[in-house]
Amino acid sequence: MNTNTLTKSTSDIISSDKVEGTTVYNHAGDKLGTIDDLMIDKRSGQVRYAVLEFGGFLGMGTDRYPLPWNMLEYDVEKEGYVVPLDKEKLEGAPRYPHDQMPEYNRDYGRQVNGYYGVDAW
């Protein structure tokens, strides 16, 4: 967890720097990775995706997996987000290397959201 989150917050509003670095788990309690970035719709101001860093070793060779924001549920006990995914599903998900971010347009949104079976924006 980010070192910025040493104090537990009871607010429903959180700074993006506290979200980045937060651990993501599946329902079985397995750690899937951490939030690397948030992708925000610049017109509506809504968070569209949390970009999960997954794989690699010590940050090297890791890929980025955009997860539709509405899939994440914050778990107070775990102090992290929980998603309804297993590692096998995640391994086949849309992803990209850190230095090759795709264009987050409607077509890419349909691809990502379609993979997870959630409504596209």
PDB file of N, CA and C in Angstrom:
ATOM      1  N   MET A   1       0.840  -1.166   0.000  1.00  0.00           N
ATOM      2  CA  MET A   1       0.000   0.000   0.000  1.00  0.00           C
ATOM      3  C   MET A   1       0.883   1.227   0.000  1.00  0.00           C
ATOM      4  N   ASN A   2       0.432   2.258  -0.630  1.00  0.00           N
ATOM      5  CA  ASN A   2       1.155   3.510  -0.668  1.00  0.00           C
ATOM      6  C   ASN A   2       1.504   3.984   0.730  1.00  0.00           C
ATOM      7  N   THR A   3       2.679   4.544   0.895  1.00  0.00           N
ATOM      8  CA  THR A   3       3.055   5.069   2.208  1.00  0.00           C
ATOM      9  C   THR A   3       2.218   6.277   2.576  1.00  0.00           C
ATOM     10  N   ASN A   4       1.539   6.886   1.606  1.00  0.00           N
ATOM     11  CA  ASN A   4       0.677   8.025   1.878  1.00  0.00           C
ATOM     12  C   ASN A   4      -0.610   7.622   2.592  1.00  0.00           C
ATOM     13  N   THR A   5      -0.866   6.333   2.722  1.00  0.00           N
ATOM     14  CA  THR A   5      -2.122   5.879   3.298  1.00  0.00           C
ATOM     15  C   THR A   5      -1.928   5.323   4.702  1.00  0.00           C
ATOM     16  N   LEU A   6      -0.955   5.823   5.420  1.00  0.00           N
ATOM     17  CA  LEU A   6      -0.711   5.324   6.766  1.00  0.00           C
ATOM     18  C   LEU A   6      -1.885   5.606   7.698  1.00  0.00           C
ATOM     19  N   THR A   7      -2.588   6.681   7.463  1.00  0.00           N
ATOM     20  CA  THR A   7      -3.743   7.012   8.271  1.00  0.00           C
ATOM     21  C   THR A   7      -4.989   6.563   7.534  1.00  0.00           C
ATOM     22  N   LYS A   8      -5.812   5.755   8.177  1.00  0.00           N
ATOM     23  CA  LYS A   8      -7.041   5.301   7.547  1.00  0.00           C
ATOM     24  C   LYS A   8      -7.989   6.476   7.377  1.00  0.00           C
ATOM     25  N   SER A   9      -8.655   6.509   6.242  1.00  0.00           N
ATOM     26  CA  SER A   9      -9.602   7.568   5.948  1.00  0.00           C
ATOM     27  C   SER A   9     -11.007   7.009   5.998  1.00  0.00           C
ATOM     28  N   THR A  10     -11.923   7.793   6.525  1.00  0.00           N
ATOM     29  CA  THR A  10     -13.313   7.370   6.561  1.00  0.00           C
ATOM     30  C   THR A  10     -14.126   8.066   5.480  1.00  0.00           C
ATOM     31  N   SER A  11     -13.490   8.921   4.706  1.00  0.00           N
ATOM     32  CA  SER A  11     -14.170   9.661   3.653  1.00  0.00           C
ATOM     33  C   SER A  11     -14.408   8.774   2.440  1.00  0.00           C
ATOM     34  N   ASP A  12     -15.453   9.094   1.679  1.00  0.00           N
ATOM     35  CA  ASP A  12     -15.711   8.401   0.422  1.00  0.00           C
ATOM     36  C   ASP A  12     -14.898   8.998  -0.718  1.00  0.00           C
ATOM     37  N   ILE A  13     -14.248  10.116  -0.483  1.00  0.00           N
ATOM     38  CA  ILE A  13     -13.434  10.786  -1.490  1.00  0.00           C
ATOM     39  C   ILE A  13     -11.971  10.499  -1.178  1.00  0.00           C
ATOM     40  N   ILE A  14     -11.191  10.183  -2.217  1.00  0.00           N
ATOM     41  CA  ILE A  14      -9.789   9.839  -2.014  1.00  0.00           C
ATOM     42  C   ILE A  14      -8.944  10.498  -3.102  1.00  0.00           C
ATOM     43  N   SER A  15      -7.764  10.894  -2.757  1.00  0.00           N
ATOM     44  CA  SER A  15      -6.821  11.472  -3.700  1.00  0.00           C
ATOM     45  C   SER A  15      -6.263  10.375  -4.607  1.00  0.00           C
ATOM     46  N   SER A  16      -6.028  10.709  -5.871  1.00  0.00           N
ATOM     47  CA  SER A  16      -5.506   9.708  -6.809  1.00  0.00           C
ATOM     48  C   SER A  16      -4.145   9.181  -6.365  1.00  0.00           C
ATOM     49  N   ASP A  17      -3.343  10.004  -5.691  1.00  0.00           N
ATOM     50  CA  ASP A  17      -2.034   9.506  -5.257  1.00  0.00           C
ATOM     51  C   ASP A  17      -2.156   8.450  -4.172  1.00  0.00           C
ATOM     52  N   LYS A  18      -3.302   8.387  -3.502  1.00  0.00           N
ATOM     53  CA  LYS A  18      -3.520   7.328  -2.512  1.00  0.00           C
ATOM     54  C   LYS A  18      -4.069   6.061  -3.164  1.00  0.00           C
ATOM     55  N   VAL A  19      -4.704   6.209  -4.315  1.00  0.00           N
ATOM     56  CA  VAL A  19      -5.203   5.041  -5.041  1.00  0.00           C
ATOM     57  C   VAL A  19      -4.042   4.328  -5.733  1.00  0.00           C
ATOM     58  N   GLU A  20      -3.160   5.099  -6.343  1.00  0.00           N
ATOM     59  CA  GLU A  20      -2.003   4.518  -7.016  1.00  0.00           C
ATOM     60  C   GLU A  20      -1.125   3.815  -5.995  1.00  0.00           C
ATOM     61  N   GLY A  21      -0.799   2.573  -6.267  1.00  0.00           N
ATOM     62  CA  GLY A  21      -0.024   1.763  -5.337  1.00  0.00           C
ATOM     63  C   GLY A  21      -0.876   0.870  -4.458  1.00  0.00           C
ATOM     64  N   THR A  22      -2.192   1.048  -4.496  1.00  0.00           N
ATOM     65  CA  THR A  22      -3.091   0.221  -3.696  1.00  0.00           C
ATOM     66  C   THR A  22      -3.172  -1.184  -4.283  1.00  0.00           C
ATOM     67  N   THR A  23      -3.165  -2.172  -3.426  1.00  0.00           N
ATOM     68  CA  THR A  23      -3.213  -3.567  -3.843  1.00  0.00           C
ATOM     69  C   THR A  23      -4.604  -3.929  -4.354  1.00  0.00           C
ATOM     70  N   VAL A  24      -4.625  -4.806  -5.355  1.00  0.00           N
ATOM     71  CA  VAL A  24      -5.865  -5.339  -5.914  1.00  0.00           C
ATOM     72  C   VAL A  24      -5.867  -6.846  -5.687  1.00  0.00           C
ATOM     73  N   TYR A  25      -6.978  -7.328  -5.157  1.00  0.00           N
ATOM     74  CA  TYR A  25      -7.163  -8.749  -4.850  1.00  0.00           C
ATOM     75  C   TYR A  25      -8.332  -9.294  -5.654  1.00  0.00           C
ATOM     76  N   ASN A  26      -8.395 -10.618  -5.782  1.00  0.00           N
ATOM     77  CA  ASN A  26      -9.609 -11.227  -6.317  1.00  0.00           C
ATOM     78  C   ASN A  26     -10.452 -11.695  -5.122  1.00  0.00           C
ATOM     79  N   HIS A  27     -11.631 -12.248  -5.406  1.00  0.00           N
ATOM     80  CA  HIS A  27     -12.531 -12.666  -4.318  1.00  0.00           C
ATOM     81  C   HIS A  27     -11.950 -13.789  -3.467  1.00  0.00           C
ATOM     82  N   ALA A  28     -10.997 -14.545  -4.017  1.00  0.00           N
ATOM     83  CA  ALA A  28     -10.362 -15.621  -3.249  1.00  0.00           C
ATOM     84  C   ALA A  28      -9.300 -15.084  -2.294  1.00  0.00           C
ATOM     85  N   GLY A  29      -9.010 -13.766  -2.402  1.00  0.00           N
ATOM     86  CA  GLY A  29      -8.000 -13.167  -1.538  1.00  0.00           C
ATOM     87  C   GLY A  29      -6.609 -13.152  -2.129  1.00  0.00           C
ATOM     88  N   ASP A  30      -6.455 -13.621  -3.384  1.00  0.00           N
ATOM     89  CA  ASP A  30      -5.156 -13.612  -4.048  1.00  0.00           C
ATOM     90  C   ASP A  30      -4.800 -12.187  -4.464  1.00  0.00           C
ATOM     91  N   LYS A  31      -3.552 -11.795  -4.242  1.00  0.00           N
ATOM     92  CA  LYS A  31      -3.087 -10.492  -4.697  1.00  0.00           C
ATOM     93  C   LYS A  31      -2.846 -10.576  -6.192  1.00  0.00           C
ATOM     94  N   LEU A  32      -3.495  -9.687  -6.947  1.00  0.00           N
ATOM     95  CA  LEU A  32      -3.334  -9.668  -8.392  1.00  0.00           C
ATOM     96  C   LEU A  32      -2.300  -8.644  -8.845  1.00  0.00           C
ATOM     97  N   GLY A  33      -2.107  -7.605  -8.086  1.00  0.00           N
ATOM     98  CA  GLY A  33      -1.178  -6.551  -8.463  1.00  0.00           C
ATOM     99  C   GLY A  33      -1.515  -5.282  -7.714  1.00  0.00           C
ATOM    100  N   THR A  34      -1.047  -4.161  -8.254  1.00  0.00           N
ATOM    101  CA  THR A  34      -1.318  -2.861  -7.645  1.00  0.00           C
ATOM    102  C   THR A  34      -1.789  -1.879  -8.712  1.00  0.00           C
ATOM    103  N   ILE A  35      -2.508  -0.852  -8.263  1.00  0.00           N
ATOM    104  CA  ILE A  35      -2.956   0.197  -9.169  1.00  0.00           C
ATOM    105  C   ILE A  35      -1.754   1.050  -9.547  1.00  0.00           C
ATOM    106  N   ASP A  36      -1.495   1.155 -10.834  1.00  0.00           N
ATOM    107  CA  ASP A  36      -0.381   1.948 -11.339  1.00  0.00           C
ATOM    108  C   ASP A  36      -0.836   3.340 -11.751  1.00  0.00           C
ATOM    109  N   ASP A  37      -2.058   3.444 -12.247  1.00  0.00           N
ATOM    110  CA  ASP A  37      -2.518   4.703 -12.812  1.00  0.00           C
ATOM    111  C   ASP A  37      -4.045   4.704 -12.849  1.00  0.00           C
ATOM    112  N   LEU A  38      -4.609   5.883 -12.986  1.00  0.00           N
ATOM    113  CA  LEU A  38      -6.042   6.035 -13.211  1.00  0.00           C
ATOM    114  C   LEU A  38      -6.235   6.733 -14.542  1.00  0.00           C
ATOM    115  N   MET A  39      -7.198   6.281 -15.311  1.00  0.00           N
ATOM    116  CA  MET A  39      -7.521   6.914 -16.579  1.00  0.00           C
ATOM    117  C   MET A  39      -8.865   7.613 -16.395  1.00  0.00           C
ATOM    118  N   ILE A  40      -8.848   8.934 -16.584  1.00  0.00           N
ATOM    119  CA  ILE A  40     -10.002   9.779 -16.285  1.00  0.00           C
ATOM    120  C   ILE A  40     -10.544  10.384 -17.566  1.00  0.00           C
ATOM    121  N   ASP A  41     -11.857  10.329 -17.727  1.00  0.00           N
ATOM    122  CA  ASP A  41     -12.509  10.971 -18.865  1.00  0.00           C
ATOM    123  C   ASP A  41     -12.384  12.478 -18.673  1.00  0.00           C
ATOM    124  N   LYS A  42     -11.696  13.158 -19.577  1.00  0.00           N
ATOM    125  CA  LYS A  42     -11.418  14.577 -19.371  1.00  0.00           C
ATOM    126  C   LYS A  42     -12.653  15.456 -19.534  1.00  0.00           C
ATOM    127  N   ARG A  43     -13.698  14.943 -20.139  1.00  0.00           N
ATOM    128  CA  ARG A  43     -14.922  15.740 -20.270  1.00  0.00           C
ATOM    129  C   ARG A  43     -15.855  15.570 -19.076  1.00  0.00           C
ATOM    130  N   SER A  44     -16.058  14.330 -18.650  1.00  0.00           N
ATOM    131  CA  SER A  44     -16.993  14.087 -17.542  1.00  0.00           C
ATOM    132  C   SER A  44     -16.315  14.149 -16.184  1.00  0.00           C
ATOM    133  N   GLY A  45     -14.986  13.936 -16.170  1.00  0.00           N
ATOM    134  CA  GLY A  45     -14.266  13.898 -14.902  1.00  0.00           C
ATOM    135  C   GLY A  45     -14.377  12.557 -14.188  1.00  0.00           C
ATOM    136  N   GLN A  46     -15.019  11.582 -14.814  1.00  0.00           N
ATOM    137  CA  GLN A  46     -15.208  10.267 -14.205  1.00  0.00           C
ATOM    138  C   GLN A  46     -13.994   9.377 -14.454  1.00  0.00           C
ATOM    139  N   VAL A  47     -13.616   8.606 -13.448  1.00  0.00           N
ATOM    140  CA  VAL A  47     -12.561   7.614 -13.637  1.00  0.00           C
ATOM    141  C   VAL A  47     -13.145   6.497 -14.493  1.00  0.00           C
ATOM    142  N   ARG A  48     -12.472   6.180 -15.592  1.00  0.00           N
ATOM    143  CA  ARG A  48     -12.924   5.098 -16.481  1.00  0.00           C
ATOM    144  C   ARG A  48     -12.211   3.789 -16.176  1.00  0.00           C
ATOM    145  N   TYR A  49     -10.885   3.886 -15.924  1.00  0.00           N
ATOM    146  CA  TYR A  49     -10.098   2.676 -15.712  1.00  0.00           C
ATOM    147  C   TYR A  49      -9.095   2.865 -14.592  1.00  0.00           C
ATOM    148  N   ALA A  50      -8.876   1.789 -13.872  1.00  0.00           N
ATOM    149  CA  ALA A  50      -7.736   1.686 -12.970  1.00  0.00           C
ATOM    150  C   ALA A  50      -6.769   0.768 -13.697  1.00  0.00           C
ATOM    151  N   VAL A  51      -5.542   1.228 -13.883  1.00  0.00           N
ATOM    152  CA  VAL A  51      -4.558   0.438 -14.615  1.00  0.00           C
ATOM    153  C   VAL A  51      -3.773  -0.384 -13.601  1.00  0.00           C
ATOM    154  N   LEU A  52      -3.940  -1.692 -13.699  1.00  0.00           N
ATOM    155  CA  LEU A  52      -3.316  -2.636 -12.786  1.00  0.00           C
ATOM    156  C   LEU A  52      -1.938  -3.014 -13.292  1.00  0.00           C
ATOM    157  N   GLU A  53      -0.956  -2.951 -12.405  1.00  0.00           N
ATOM    158  CA  GLU A  53       0.389  -3.434 -12.722  1.00  0.00           C
ATOM    159  C   GLU A  53       0.443  -4.883 -12.235  1.00  0.00           C
ATOM    160  N   PHE A  54       0.810  -5.787 -13.145  1.00  0.00           N
ATOM    161  CA  PHE A  54       0.741  -7.209 -12.852  1.00  0.00           C
ATOM    162  C   PHE A  54       1.887  -7.921 -13.551  1.00  0.00           C
ATOM    163  N   GLY A  55       2.510  -8.844 -12.857  1.00  0.00           N
ATOM    164  CA  GLY A  55       3.573  -9.651 -13.452  1.00  0.00           C
ATOM    165  C   GLY A  55       4.939  -9.041 -13.241  1.00  0.00           C
ATOM    166  N   GLY A  56       5.939  -9.655 -13.807  1.00  0.00           N
ATOM    167  CA  GLY A  56       7.302  -9.153 -13.706  1.00  0.00           C
ATOM    168  C   GLY A  56       7.908  -9.378 -12.334  1.00  0.00           C
ATOM    169  N   PHE A  57       9.061  -8.741 -12.136  1.00  0.00           N
ATOM    170  CA  PHE A  57       9.785  -8.868 -10.880  1.00  0.00           C
ATOM    171  C   PHE A  57      10.372  -7.523 -10.524  1.00  0.00           C
ATOM    172  N   LEU A  58      10.045  -7.026  -9.344  1.00  0.00           N
ATOM    173  CA  LEU A  58      10.530  -5.727  -8.863  1.00  0.00           C
ATOM    174  C   LEU A  58      10.255  -4.605  -9.862  1.00  0.00           C
ATOM    175  N   GLY A  59       9.070  -4.641 -10.461  1.00  0.00           N
ATOM    176  CA  GLY A  59       8.680  -3.588 -11.392  1.00  0.00           C
ATOM    177  C   GLY A  59       9.220  -3.733 -12.800  1.00  0.00           C
ATOM    178  N   MET A  60      10.056  -4.728 -13.032  1.00  0.00           N
ATOM    179  CA  MET A  60      10.620  -4.931 -14.366  1.00  0.00           C
ATOM    180  C   MET A  60       9.828  -6.022 -15.080  1.00  0.00           C
ATOM    181  N   GLY A  61       9.501  -5.764 -16.334  1.00  0.00           N
ATOM    182  CA  GLY A  61       8.770  -6.746 -17.113  1.00  0.00           C
ATOM    183  C   GLY A  61       7.295  -6.814 -16.772  1.00  0.00           C
ATOM    184  N   THR A  62       6.803  -5.822 -16.058  1.00  0.00           N
ATOM    185  CA  THR A  62       5.386  -5.827 -15.715  1.00  0.00           C
ATOM    186  C   THR A  62       4.574  -5.248 -16.856  1.00  0.00           C
ATOM    187  N   ASP A  63       3.372  -5.721 -16.999  1.00  0.00           N
ATOM    188  CA  ASP A  63       2.435  -5.180 -17.973  1.00  0.00           C
ATOM    189  C   ASP A  63       1.379  -4.382 -17.229  1.00  0.00           C
ATOM    190  N   ARG A  64       0.661  -3.553 -17.983  1.00  0.00           N
ATOM    191  CA  ARG A  64      -0.428  -2.738 -17.440  1.00  0.00           C
ATOM    192  C   ARG A  64      -1.740  -3.281 -17.989  1.00  0.00           C
ATOM    193  N   TYR A  65      -2.696  -3.496 -17.091  1.00  0.00           N
ATOM    194  CA  TYR A  65      -3.997  -4.059 -17.426  1.00  0.00           C
ATOM    195  C   TYR A  65      -5.070  -3.048 -17.054  1.00  0.00           C
ATOM    196  N   PRO A  66      -5.733  -2.434 -18.039  1.00  0.00           N
ATOM    197  CA  PRO A  66      -6.813  -1.513 -17.687  1.00  0.00           C
ATOM    198  C   PRO A  66      -8.037  -2.296 -17.204  1.00  0.00           C
ATOM    199  N   LEU A  67      -8.493  -1.952 -16.016  1.00  0.00           N
ATOM    200  CA  LEU A  67      -9.697  -2.566 -15.458  1.00  0.00           C
ATOM    201  C   LEU A  67     -10.789  -1.510 -15.409  1.00  0.00           C
ATOM    202  N   PRO A  68     -11.970  -1.795 -15.947  1.00  0.00           N
ATOM    203  CA  PRO A  68     -13.052  -0.825 -15.826  1.00  0.00           C
ATOM    204  C   PRO A  68     -13.260  -0.466 -14.346  1.00  0.00           C
ATOM    205  N   TRP A  69     -13.293   0.828 -14.074  1.00  0.00           N
ATOM    206  CA  TRP A  69     -13.355   1.317 -12.696  1.00  0.00           C
ATOM    207  C   TRP A  69     -14.532   0.710 -11.932  1.00  0.00           C
ATOM    208  N   ASN A  70     -15.667   0.521 -12.606  1.00  0.00           N
ATOM    209  CA  ASN A  70     -16.850   0.014 -11.903  1.00  0.00           C
ATOM    210  C   ASN A  70     -16.722  -1.466 -11.509  1.00  0.00           C
ATOM    211  N   MET A  71     -15.630  -2.133 -11.902  1.00  0.00           N
ATOM    212  CA  MET A  71     -15.392  -3.511 -11.460  1.00  0.00           C
ATOM    213  C   MET A  71     -14.741  -3.561 -10.079  1.00  0.00           C
ATOM    214  N   LEU A  72     -14.096  -2.472  -9.676  1.00  0.00           N
ATOM    215  CA  LEU A  72     -13.347  -2.465  -8.425  1.00  0.00           C
ATOM    216  C   LEU A  72     -14.254  -2.115  -7.248  1.00  0.00           C
ATOM    217  N   GLU A  73     -14.086  -2.854  -6.188  1.00  0.00           N
ATOM    218  CA  GLU A  73     -14.829  -2.593  -4.960  1.00  0.00           C
ATOM    219  C   GLU A  73     -13.815  -2.483  -3.828  1.00  0.00           C
ATOM    220  N   TYR A  74     -13.882  -1.388  -3.083  1.00  0.00           N
ATOM    221  CA  TYR A  74     -12.908  -1.190  -2.016  1.00  0.00           C
ATOM    222  C   TYR A  74     -13.277  -2.038  -0.805  1.00  0.00           C
ATOM    223  N   ASP A  75     -12.302  -2.765  -0.265  1.00  0.00           N
ATOM    224  CA  ASP A  75     -12.476  -3.603   0.912  1.00  0.00           C
ATOM    225  C   ASP A  75     -11.709  -2.961   2.067  1.00  0.00           C
ATOM    226  N   VAL A  76     -12.431  -2.471   3.049  1.00  0.00           N
ATOM    227  CA  VAL A  76     -11.828  -1.769   4.182  1.00  0.00           C
ATOM    228  C   VAL A  76     -10.893  -2.686   4.957  1.00  0.00           C
ATOM    229  N   GLU A  77     -11.277  -3.940   5.147  1.00  0.00           N
ATOM    230  CA  GLU A  77     -10.442  -4.879   5.900  1.00  0.00           C
ATOM    231  C   GLU A  77      -9.106  -5.144   5.209  1.00  0.00           C
ATOM    232  N   LYS A  78      -9.143  -5.287   3.894  1.00  0.00           N
ATOM    233  CA  LYS A  78      -7.920  -5.560   3.131  1.00  0.00           C
ATOM    234  C   LYS A  78      -7.136  -4.284   2.833  1.00  0.00           C
ATOM    235  N   GLU A  79      -7.812  -3.139   2.991  1.00  0.00           N
ATOM    236  CA  GLU A  79      -7.246  -1.857   2.595  1.00  0.00           C
ATOM    237  C   GLU A  79      -6.780  -1.910   1.145  1.00  0.00           C
ATOM    238  N   GLY A  80      -7.623  -2.511   0.324  1.00  0.00           N
ATOM    239  CA  GLY A  80      -7.327  -2.651  -1.090  1.00  0.00           C
ATOM    240  C   GLY A  80      -8.606  -2.876  -1.871  1.00  0.00           C
ATOM    241  N   TYR A  81      -8.458  -2.962  -3.168  1.00  0.00           N
ATOM    242  CA  TYR A  81      -9.607  -3.185  -4.047  1.00  0.00           C
ATOM    243  C   TYR A  81      -9.758  -4.670  -4.354  1.00  0.00           C
ATOM    244  N   VAL A  82     -11.005  -5.092  -4.559  1.00  0.00           N
ATOM    245  CA  VAL A  82     -11.321  -6.473  -4.893  1.00  0.00           C
ATOM    246  C   VAL A  82     -12.041  -6.464  -6.242  1.00  0.00           C
ATOM    247  N   VAL A  83     -11.634  -7.383  -7.109  1.00  0.00           N
ATOM    248  CA  VAL A  83     -12.254  -7.518  -8.422  1.00  0.00           C
ATOM    249  C   VAL A  83     -12.702  -8.963  -8.610  1.00  0.00           C
ATOM    250  N   PRO A  84     -13.756  -9.176  -9.394  1.00  0.00           N
ATOM    251  CA  PRO A  84     -14.257 -10.530  -9.619  1.00  0.00           C
ATOM    252  C   PRO A  84     -13.484 -11.250 -10.729  1.00  0.00           C
ATOM    253  N   LEU A  85     -12.173 -11.408 -10.533  1.00  0.00           N
ATOM    254  CA  LEU A  85     -11.320 -12.036 -11.541  1.00  0.00           C
ATOM    255  C   LEU A  85     -10.396 -13.051 -10.898  1.00  0.00           C
ATOM    256  N   ASP A  86     -10.062 -14.085 -11.643  1.00  0.00           N
ATOM    257  CA  ASP A  86      -8.982 -14.958 -11.194  1.00  0.00           C
ATOM    258  C   ASP A  86      -7.759 -14.645 -12.054  1.00  0.00           C
ATOM    259  N   LYS A  87      -6.621 -15.159 -11.665  1.00  0.00           N
ATOM    260  CA  LYS A  87      -5.372 -14.848 -12.376  1.00  0.00           C
ATOM    261  C   LYS A  87      -5.412 -15.309 -13.823  1.00  0.00           C
ATOM    262  N   GLU A  88      -6.077 -16.421 -14.098  1.00  0.00           N
ATOM    263  CA  GLU A  88      -6.155 -16.934 -15.463  1.00  0.00           C
ATOM    264  C   GLU A  88      -6.915 -15.965 -16.366  1.00  0.00           C
ATOM    265  N   LYS A  89      -8.017 -15.424 -15.878  1.00  0.00           N
ATOM    266  CA  LYS A  89      -8.797 -14.448 -16.658  1.00  0.00           C
ATOM    267  C   LYS A  89      -7.942 -13.198 -16.907  1.00  0.00           C
ATOM    268  N   LEU A  90      -7.236 -12.760 -15.896  1.00  0.00           N
ATOM    269  CA  LEU A  90      -6.406 -11.567 -16.018  1.00  0.00           C
ATOM    270  C   LEU A  90      -5.267 -11.781 -17.018  1.00  0.00           C
ATOM    271  N   GLU A  91      -4.684 -12.972 -17.026  1.00  0.00           N
ATOM    272  CA  GLU A  91      -3.559 -13.244 -17.927  1.00  0.00           C
ATOM    273  C   GLU A  91      -3.954 -13.120 -19.393  1.00  0.00           C
ATOM    274  N   GLY A  92      -5.220 -13.335 -19.724  1.00  0.00           N
ATOM    275  CA  GLY A  92      -5.681 -13.204 -21.107  1.00  0.00           C
ATOM    276  C   GLY A  92      -6.277 -11.847 -21.429  1.00  0.00           C
ATOM    277  N   ALA A  93      -6.255 -10.933 -20.491  1.00  0.00           N
ATOM    278  CA  ALA A  93      -6.905  -9.627 -20.637  1.00  0.00           C
ATOM    279  C   ALA A  93      -6.093  -8.673 -21.505  1.00  0.00           C
ATOM    280  N   PRO A  94      -6.766  -7.651 -22.048  1.00  0.00           N
ATOM    281  CA  PRO A  94      -6.027  -6.609 -22.766  1.00  0.00           C
ATOM    282  C   PRO A  94      -4.969  -5.986 -21.851  1.00  0.00           C
ATOM    283  N   ARG A  95      -3.768  -5.777 -22.401  1.00  0.00           N
ATOM    284  CA  ARG A  95      -2.670  -5.225 -21.603  1.00  0.00           C
ATOM    285  C   ARG A  95      -1.666  -4.558 -22.527  1.00  0.00           C
ATOM    286  N   TYR A  96      -0.737  -3.843 -21.910  1.00  0.00           N
ATOM    287  CA  TYR A  96       0.303  -3.178 -22.676  1.00  0.00           C
ATOM    288  C   TYR A  96       1.516  -2.938 -21.794  1.00  0.00           C
ATOM    289  N   PRO A  97       2.703  -2.856 -22.414  1.00  0.00           N
ATOM    290  CA  PRO A  97       3.901  -2.523 -21.645  1.00  0.00           C
ATOM    291  C   PRO A  97       3.822  -1.070 -21.165  1.00  0.00           C
ATOM    292  N   HIS A  98       4.512  -0.777 -20.085  1.00  0.00           N
ATOM    293  CA  HIS A  98       4.479   0.555 -19.471  1.00  0.00           C
ATOM    294  C   HIS A  98       4.781   1.665 -20.476  1.00  0.00           C
ATOM    295  N   ASP A  99       5.681   1.433 -21.395  1.00  0.00           N
ATOM    296  CA  ASP A  99       6.117   2.477 -22.327  1.00  0.00           C
ATOM    297  C   ASP A  99       5.349   2.469 -23.655  1.00  0.00           C
ATOM    298  N   GLN A 100       4.249   1.708 -23.741  1.00  0.00           N
ATOM    299  CA  GLN A 100       3.473   1.636 -24.981  1.00  0.00           C
ATOM    300  C   GLN A 100       1.983   1.803 -24.716  1.00  0.00           C
ATOM    301  N   MET A 101       1.622   2.867 -23.998  1.00  0.00           N
ATOM    302  CA  MET A 101       0.220   3.093 -23.665  1.00  0.00           C
ATOM    303  C   MET A 101      -0.617   3.261 -24.931  1.00  0.00           C
ATOM    304  N   PRO A 102      -1.713   2.540 -25.032  1.00  0.00           N
ATOM    305  CA  PRO A 102      -2.585   2.673 -26.200  1.00  0.00           C
ATOM    306  C   PRO A 102      -3.381   3.978 -26.127  1.00  0.00           C
ATOM    307  N   GLU A 103      -4.020   4.305 -27.223  1.00  0.00           N
ATOM    308  CA  GLU A 103      -4.929   5.441 -27.215  1.00  0.00           C
ATOM    309  C   GLU A 103      -6.243   4.968 -26.584  1.00  0.00           C
ATOM    310  N   TYR A 104      -6.618   5.589 -25.499  1.00  0.00           N
ATOM    311  CA  TYR A 104      -7.854   5.233 -24.810  1.00  0.00           C
ATOM    312  C   TYR A 104      -9.017   5.917 -25.519  1.00  0.00           C
ATOM    313  N   ASN A 105      -9.467   5.315 -26.619  1.00  0.00           N
ATOM    314  CA  ASN A 105     -10.604   5.853 -27.362  1.00  0.00           C
ATOM    315  C   ASN A 105     -11.781   4.882 -27.225  1.00  0.00           C
ATOM    316  N   ARG A 106     -12.871   5.171 -27.902  1.00  0.00           N
ATOM    317  CA  ARG A 106     -14.069   4.326 -27.771  1.00  0.00           C
ATOM    318  C   ARG A 106     -13.820   2.883 -28.229  1.00  0.00           C
ATOM    319  N   ASP A 107     -13.059   2.714 -29.309  1.00  0.00           N
ATOM    320  CA  ASP A 107     -12.776   1.357 -29.790  1.00  0.00           C
ATOM    321  C   ASP A 107     -11.995   0.560 -28.750  1.00  0.00           C
ATOM    322  N   TYR A 108     -10.996   1.191 -28.164  1.00  0.00           N
ATOM    323  CA  TYR A 108     -10.218   0.498 -27.132  1.00  0.00           C
ATOM    324  C   TYR A 108     -11.100   0.225 -25.908  1.00  0.00           C
ATOM    325  N   GLY A 109     -11.952   1.167 -25.565  1.00  0.00           N
ATOM    326  CA  GLY A 109     -12.884   0.981 -24.447  1.00  0.00           C
ATOM    327  C   GLY A 109     -13.812  -0.201 -24.680  1.00  0.00           C
ATOM    328  N   ARG A 110     -14.305  -0.329 -25.905  1.00  0.00           N
ATOM    329  CA  ARG A 110     -15.180  -1.478 -26.221  1.00  0.00           C
ATOM    330  C   ARG A 110     -14.411  -2.793 -26.099  1.00  0.00           C
ATOM    331  N   GLN A 111     -13.148  -2.791 -26.530  1.00  0.00           N
ATOM    332  CA  GLN A 111     -12.327  -4.000 -26.435  1.00  0.00           C
ATOM    333  C   GLN A 111     -12.118  -4.394 -24.967  1.00  0.00           C
ATOM    334  N   VAL A 112     -11.718  -3.442 -24.148  1.00  0.00           N
ATOM    335  CA  VAL A 112     -11.453  -3.725 -22.736  1.00  0.00           C
ATOM    336  C   VAL A 112     -12.742  -4.111 -22.019  1.00  0.00           C
ATOM    337  N   ASN A 113     -13.767  -3.289 -22.150  1.00  0.00           N
ATOM    338  CA  ASN A 113     -15.018  -3.559 -21.447  1.00  0.00           C
ATOM    339  C   ASN A 113     -15.676  -4.844 -21.953  1.00  0.00           C
ATOM    340  N   GLY A 114     -15.551  -5.108 -23.256  1.00  0.00           N
ATOM    341  CA  GLY A 114     -16.108  -6.339 -23.810  1.00  0.00           C
ATOM    342  C   GLY A 114     -15.441  -7.566 -23.223  1.00  0.00           C
ATOM    343  N   TYR A 115     -14.139  -7.500 -23.016  1.00  0.00           N
ATOM    344  CA  TYR A 115     -13.428  -8.639 -22.436  1.00  0.00           C
ATOM    345  C   TYR A 115     -13.968  -8.963 -21.045  1.00  0.00           C
ATOM    346  N   TYR A 116     -14.263  -7.934 -20.270  1.00  0.00           N
ATOM    347  CA  TYR A 116     -14.745  -8.132 -18.909  1.00  0.00           C
ATOM    348  C   TYR A 116     -16.269  -8.246 -18.817  1.00  0.00           C
ATOM    349  N   GLY A 117     -16.957  -8.015 -19.949  1.00  0.00           N
ATOM    350  CA  GLY A 117     -18.401  -8.142 -19.951  1.00  0.00           C
ATOM    351  C   GLY A 117     -19.119  -7.024 -19.228  1.00  0.00           C
ATOM    352  N   VAL A 118     -18.552  -5.814 -19.277  1.00  0.00           N
ATOM    353  CA  VAL A 118     -19.214  -4.657 -18.661  1.00  0.00           C
ATOM    354  C   VAL A 118     -19.554  -3.651 -19.743  1.00  0.00           C
ATOM    355  N   ASP A 119     -20.490  -2.777 -19.458  1.00  0.00           N
ATOM    356  CA  ASP A 119     -20.928  -1.769 -20.426  1.00  0.00           C
ATOM    357  C   ASP A 119     -19.766  -0.846 -20.798  1.00  0.00           C
ATOM    358  N   ALA A 120     -19.680  -0.565 -22.095  1.00  0.00           N
ATOM    359  CA  ALA A 120     -18.670   0.369 -22.581  1.00  0.00           C
ATOM    360  C   ALA A 120     -19.181   1.788 -22.392  1.00  0.00           C
ATOM    361  N   TRP A 121     -18.298   2.719 -22.362  1.00  0.00           N
ATOM    362  CA  TRP A 121     -18.667   4.122 -22.218  1.00  0.00           C
ATOM    363  C   TRP A 121     -18.888   4.681 -23.549  1.00  0.00           C
TER     364      TRP A 121
END
